[in-house]
Amino acid sequence: MDEMSFRTLYDVQQLLKRFGTYVHLGKRMWDIELMSIEVKRLYENGMIEKKVFINAQLVLKAEHRKEEKKEKDRSK
């Protein structure tokens, strides 16, 4: 996978799958948070490049913000 092709949560899921990591906790927000932890671990262990780490984290942060907004809108 080209390190610049991270645009969606699906792309990050595919990256994690390459390392045998499947995340499904049942709540999207939790999935995003766990994926972020897993991507960080891959980077810290030298398994992915810095560019890949940064791009994956940017996608995850954007998705996390969307979920927070959805939850906030639901509680109104």
N, C-alpha and C. Protein backbone atom coordinates (compact mmCIF):
# COMPACT_ATOMS: atom_id res chain seq x y z
N MET A 1 0.86 -1.19 0.00
CA MET A 1 0.00 0.00 0.00
C MET A 1 0.90 1.24 0.00
N ASP A 2 0.60 2.14 -0.87
CA ASP A 2 1.34 3.40 -0.94
C ASP A 2 1.06 4.21 0.32
N GLU A 3 2.12 4.71 0.94
CA GLU A 3 1.92 5.40 2.22
C GLU A 3 1.11 6.68 2.10
N MET A 4 0.95 7.20 0.90
CA MET A 4 0.20 8.44 0.74
C MET A 4 -1.27 8.18 0.42
N SER A 5 -1.70 6.91 0.41
CA SER A 5 -3.06 6.60 -0.03
C SER A 5 -4.07 6.53 1.11
N PHE A 6 -3.69 6.92 2.32
CA PHE A 6 -4.62 6.87 3.44
C PHE A 6 -5.61 8.03 3.35
N ARG A 7 -6.86 7.69 3.07
CA ARG A 7 -7.88 8.72 3.00
C ARG A 7 -9.10 8.37 3.85
N THR A 8 -9.25 7.08 4.13
CA THR A 8 -10.45 6.64 4.84
C THR A 8 -10.08 5.69 5.99
N LEU A 9 -11.05 5.48 6.86
CA LEU A 9 -10.87 4.53 7.95
C LEU A 9 -10.60 3.13 7.38
N TYR A 10 -11.24 2.82 6.27
CA TYR A 10 -11.02 1.53 5.62
C TYR A 10 -9.55 1.34 5.26
N ASP A 11 -8.91 2.38 4.77
CA ASP A 11 -7.48 2.30 4.42
C ASP A 11 -6.64 1.94 5.64
N VAL A 12 -6.97 2.54 6.78
CA VAL A 12 -6.23 2.25 8.01
C VAL A 12 -6.51 0.81 8.45
N GLN A 13 -7.75 0.37 8.30
CA GLN A 13 -8.09 -1.02 8.64
C GLN A 13 -7.26 -1.99 7.79
N GLN A 14 -7.10 -1.67 6.51
CA GLN A 14 -6.32 -2.54 5.62
C GLN A 14 -4.85 -2.58 6.04
N LEU A 15 -4.31 -1.45 6.47
CA LEU A 15 -2.94 -1.42 6.98
C LEU A 15 -2.81 -2.35 8.18
N LEU A 16 -3.72 -2.24 9.13
CA LEU A 16 -3.65 -3.08 10.32
C LEU A 16 -3.81 -4.55 9.98
N LYS A 17 -4.68 -4.86 9.02
CA LYS A 17 -4.87 -6.25 8.60
C LYS A 17 -3.58 -6.86 8.06
N ARG A 18 -2.77 -6.04 7.41
CA ARG A 18 -1.49 -6.54 6.89
C ARG A 18 -0.61 -7.08 8.01
N PHE A 19 -0.83 -6.59 9.22
CA PHE A 19 -0.05 -7.03 10.37
C PHE A 19 -0.85 -7.97 11.28
N GLY A 20 -1.98 -8.46 10.75
CA GLY A 20 -2.79 -9.43 11.49
C GLY A 20 -3.64 -8.83 12.59
N THR A 21 -3.90 -7.53 12.51
CA THR A 21 -4.70 -6.86 13.54
C THR A 21 -6.08 -6.53 12.99
N TYR A 22 -7.08 -7.08 13.63
CA TYR A 22 -8.47 -6.83 13.26
C TYR A 22 -9.14 -6.17 14.46
N VAL A 23 -9.78 -5.02 14.21
CA VAL A 23 -10.40 -4.27 15.31
C VAL A 23 -11.90 -4.18 15.08
N HIS A 24 -12.66 -4.71 16.03
CA HIS A 24 -14.11 -4.54 16.01
C HIS A 24 -14.62 -4.69 17.42
N LEU A 25 -14.80 -3.57 18.08
CA LEU A 25 -15.26 -3.57 19.47
C LEU A 25 -16.77 -3.37 19.57
N GLY A 26 -17.41 -3.01 18.46
CA GLY A 26 -18.86 -2.84 18.47
C GLY A 26 -19.32 -1.39 18.52
N LYS A 27 -18.40 -0.49 18.79
CA LYS A 27 -18.74 0.93 18.78
C LYS A 27 -17.65 1.63 17.97
N ARG A 28 -18.06 2.38 16.97
CA ARG A 28 -17.11 3.00 16.05
C ARG A 28 -16.04 3.85 16.75
N MET A 29 -16.46 4.61 17.75
CA MET A 29 -15.52 5.48 18.47
C MET A 29 -14.42 4.64 19.13
N TRP A 30 -14.81 3.53 19.74
CA TRP A 30 -13.83 2.66 20.39
C TRP A 30 -12.90 2.03 19.36
N ASP A 31 -13.47 1.64 18.22
CA ASP A 31 -12.65 1.06 17.15
C ASP A 31 -11.57 2.04 16.71
N ILE A 32 -11.96 3.29 16.52
CA ILE A 32 -11.02 4.32 16.08
C ILE A 32 -9.92 4.51 17.12
N GLU A 33 -10.30 4.56 18.38
CA GLU A 33 -9.32 4.77 19.44
C GLU A 33 -8.34 3.60 19.53
N LEU A 34 -8.84 2.37 19.41
CA LEU A 34 -7.95 1.21 19.46
C LEU A 34 -7.05 1.16 18.22
N MET A 35 -7.60 1.50 17.07
CA MET A 35 -6.78 1.54 15.85
C MET A 35 -5.63 2.53 16.00
N SER A 36 -5.91 3.66 16.62
CA SER A 36 -4.87 4.66 16.84
C SER A 36 -3.75 4.09 17.71
N ILE A 37 -4.12 3.37 18.76
CA ILE A 37 -3.14 2.74 19.64
C ILE A 37 -2.31 1.71 18.86
N GLU A 38 -2.99 0.91 18.06
CA GLU A 38 -2.30 -0.14 17.30
C GLU A 38 -1.34 0.44 16.26
N VAL A 39 -1.76 1.51 15.58
CA VAL A 39 -0.89 2.16 14.59
C VAL A 39 0.35 2.73 15.29
N LYS A 40 0.13 3.33 16.45
CA LYS A 40 1.25 3.88 17.22
C LYS A 40 2.25 2.78 17.60
N ARG A 41 1.73 1.64 18.02
CA ARG A 41 2.60 0.51 18.37
C ARG A 41 3.40 0.02 17.18
N LEU A 42 2.76 -0.05 16.02
CA LEU A 42 3.48 -0.47 14.81
C LEU A 42 4.64 0.48 14.52
N TYR A 43 4.36 1.78 14.66
CA TYR A 43 5.41 2.78 14.41
C TYR A 43 6.53 2.68 15.45
N GLU A 44 6.16 2.59 16.71
CA GLU A 44 7.16 2.52 17.78
C GLU A 44 8.06 1.29 17.66
N ASN A 45 7.51 0.22 17.07
CA ASN A 45 8.29 -1.01 16.89
C ASN A 45 8.99 -1.07 15.53
N GLY A 46 8.98 0.05 14.80
CA GLY A 46 9.70 0.13 13.54
C GLY A 46 9.09 -0.66 12.41
N MET A 47 7.81 -0.98 12.51
CA MET A 47 7.16 -1.80 11.48
C MET A 47 6.54 -0.97 10.36
N ILE A 48 6.31 0.31 10.61
CA ILE A 48 5.82 1.21 9.57
C ILE A 48 6.65 2.50 9.60
N GLU A 49 6.71 3.15 8.46
CA GLU A 49 7.47 4.40 8.35
C GLU A 49 6.72 5.56 8.99
N LYS A 50 7.45 6.62 9.28
CA LYS A 50 6.86 7.80 9.90
C LYS A 50 5.74 8.39 9.05
N LYS A 51 5.94 8.44 7.72
CA LYS A 51 4.90 8.99 6.83
C LYS A 51 3.60 8.19 6.94
N VAL A 52 3.73 6.88 6.99
CA VAL A 52 2.56 6.01 7.11
C VAL A 52 1.86 6.27 8.45
N PHE A 53 2.64 6.35 9.51
CA PHE A 53 2.11 6.62 10.84
C PHE A 53 1.35 7.94 10.87
N ILE A 54 1.96 8.99 10.37
CA ILE A 54 1.34 10.31 10.40
C ILE A 54 0.05 10.33 9.58
N ASN A 55 0.09 9.76 8.38
CA ASN A 55 -1.11 9.76 7.53
C ASN A 55 -2.24 8.96 8.15
N ALA A 56 -1.91 7.81 8.73
CA ALA A 56 -2.94 7.00 9.37
C ALA A 56 -3.53 7.74 10.57
N GLN A 57 -2.68 8.39 11.36
CA GLN A 57 -3.17 9.13 12.53
C GLN A 57 -4.05 10.31 12.10
N LEU A 58 -3.72 10.97 11.02
CA LEU A 58 -4.55 12.08 10.53
C LEU A 58 -5.95 11.59 10.17
N VAL A 59 -6.02 10.45 9.50
CA VAL A 59 -7.32 9.87 9.14
C VAL A 59 -8.10 9.52 10.40
N LEU A 60 -7.43 8.88 11.35
CA LEU A 60 -8.10 8.46 12.57
C LEU A 60 -8.59 9.65 13.39
N LYS A 61 -7.79 10.70 13.46
CA LYS A 61 -8.22 11.90 14.21
C LYS A 61 -9.44 12.55 13.55
N ALA A 62 -9.44 12.60 12.22
CA ALA A 62 -10.58 13.18 11.50
C ALA A 62 -11.84 12.34 11.74
N GLU A 63 -11.71 11.03 11.69
CA GLU A 63 -12.86 10.14 11.93
C GLU A 63 -13.34 10.27 13.37
N HIS A 64 -12.41 10.41 14.31
CA HIS A 64 -12.77 10.56 15.72
C HIS A 64 -13.58 11.84 15.92
N ARG A 65 -13.15 12.92 15.28
CA ARG A 65 -13.89 14.19 15.38
C ARG A 65 -15.30 14.05 14.81
N LYS A 66 -15.43 13.33 13.68
CA LYS A 66 -16.76 13.12 13.09
C LYS A 66 -17.67 12.38 14.06
N GLU A 67 -17.13 11.34 14.70
CA GLU A 67 -17.92 10.56 15.65
C GLU A 67 -18.30 11.40 16.86
N GLU A 68 -17.38 12.23 17.35
CA GLU A 68 -17.70 13.10 18.48
C GLU A 68 -18.83 14.05 18.11
N LYS A 69 -18.79 14.60 16.90
CA LYS A 69 -19.83 15.52 16.45
C LYS A 69 -21.17 14.79 16.35
N LYS A 70 -21.16 13.56 15.82
CA LYS A 70 -22.39 12.78 15.72
C LYS A 70 -23.00 12.54 17.11
N GLU A 71 -22.16 12.16 18.06
CA GLU A 71 -22.64 11.91 19.41
C GLU A 71 -23.19 13.18 20.05
N LYS A 72 -22.51 14.28 19.82
CA LYS A 72 -22.95 15.57 20.37
C LYS A 72 -24.31 15.96 19.75
N ASP A 73 -24.44 15.78 18.43
CA ASP A 73 -25.69 16.12 17.75
C ASP A 73 -26.85 15.23 18.22
N ARG A 74 -26.55 13.96 18.52
CA ARG A 74 -27.59 13.03 19.00
C ARG A 74 -28.09 13.42 20.39
N SER A 75 -27.21 14.01 21.19
CA SER A 75 -27.59 14.33 22.56
C SER A 75 -28.36 15.63 22.69
N LYS A 76 -28.54 16.35 21.61
CA LYS A 76 -29.27 17.63 21.64
C LYS A 76 -30.76 17.41 21.70
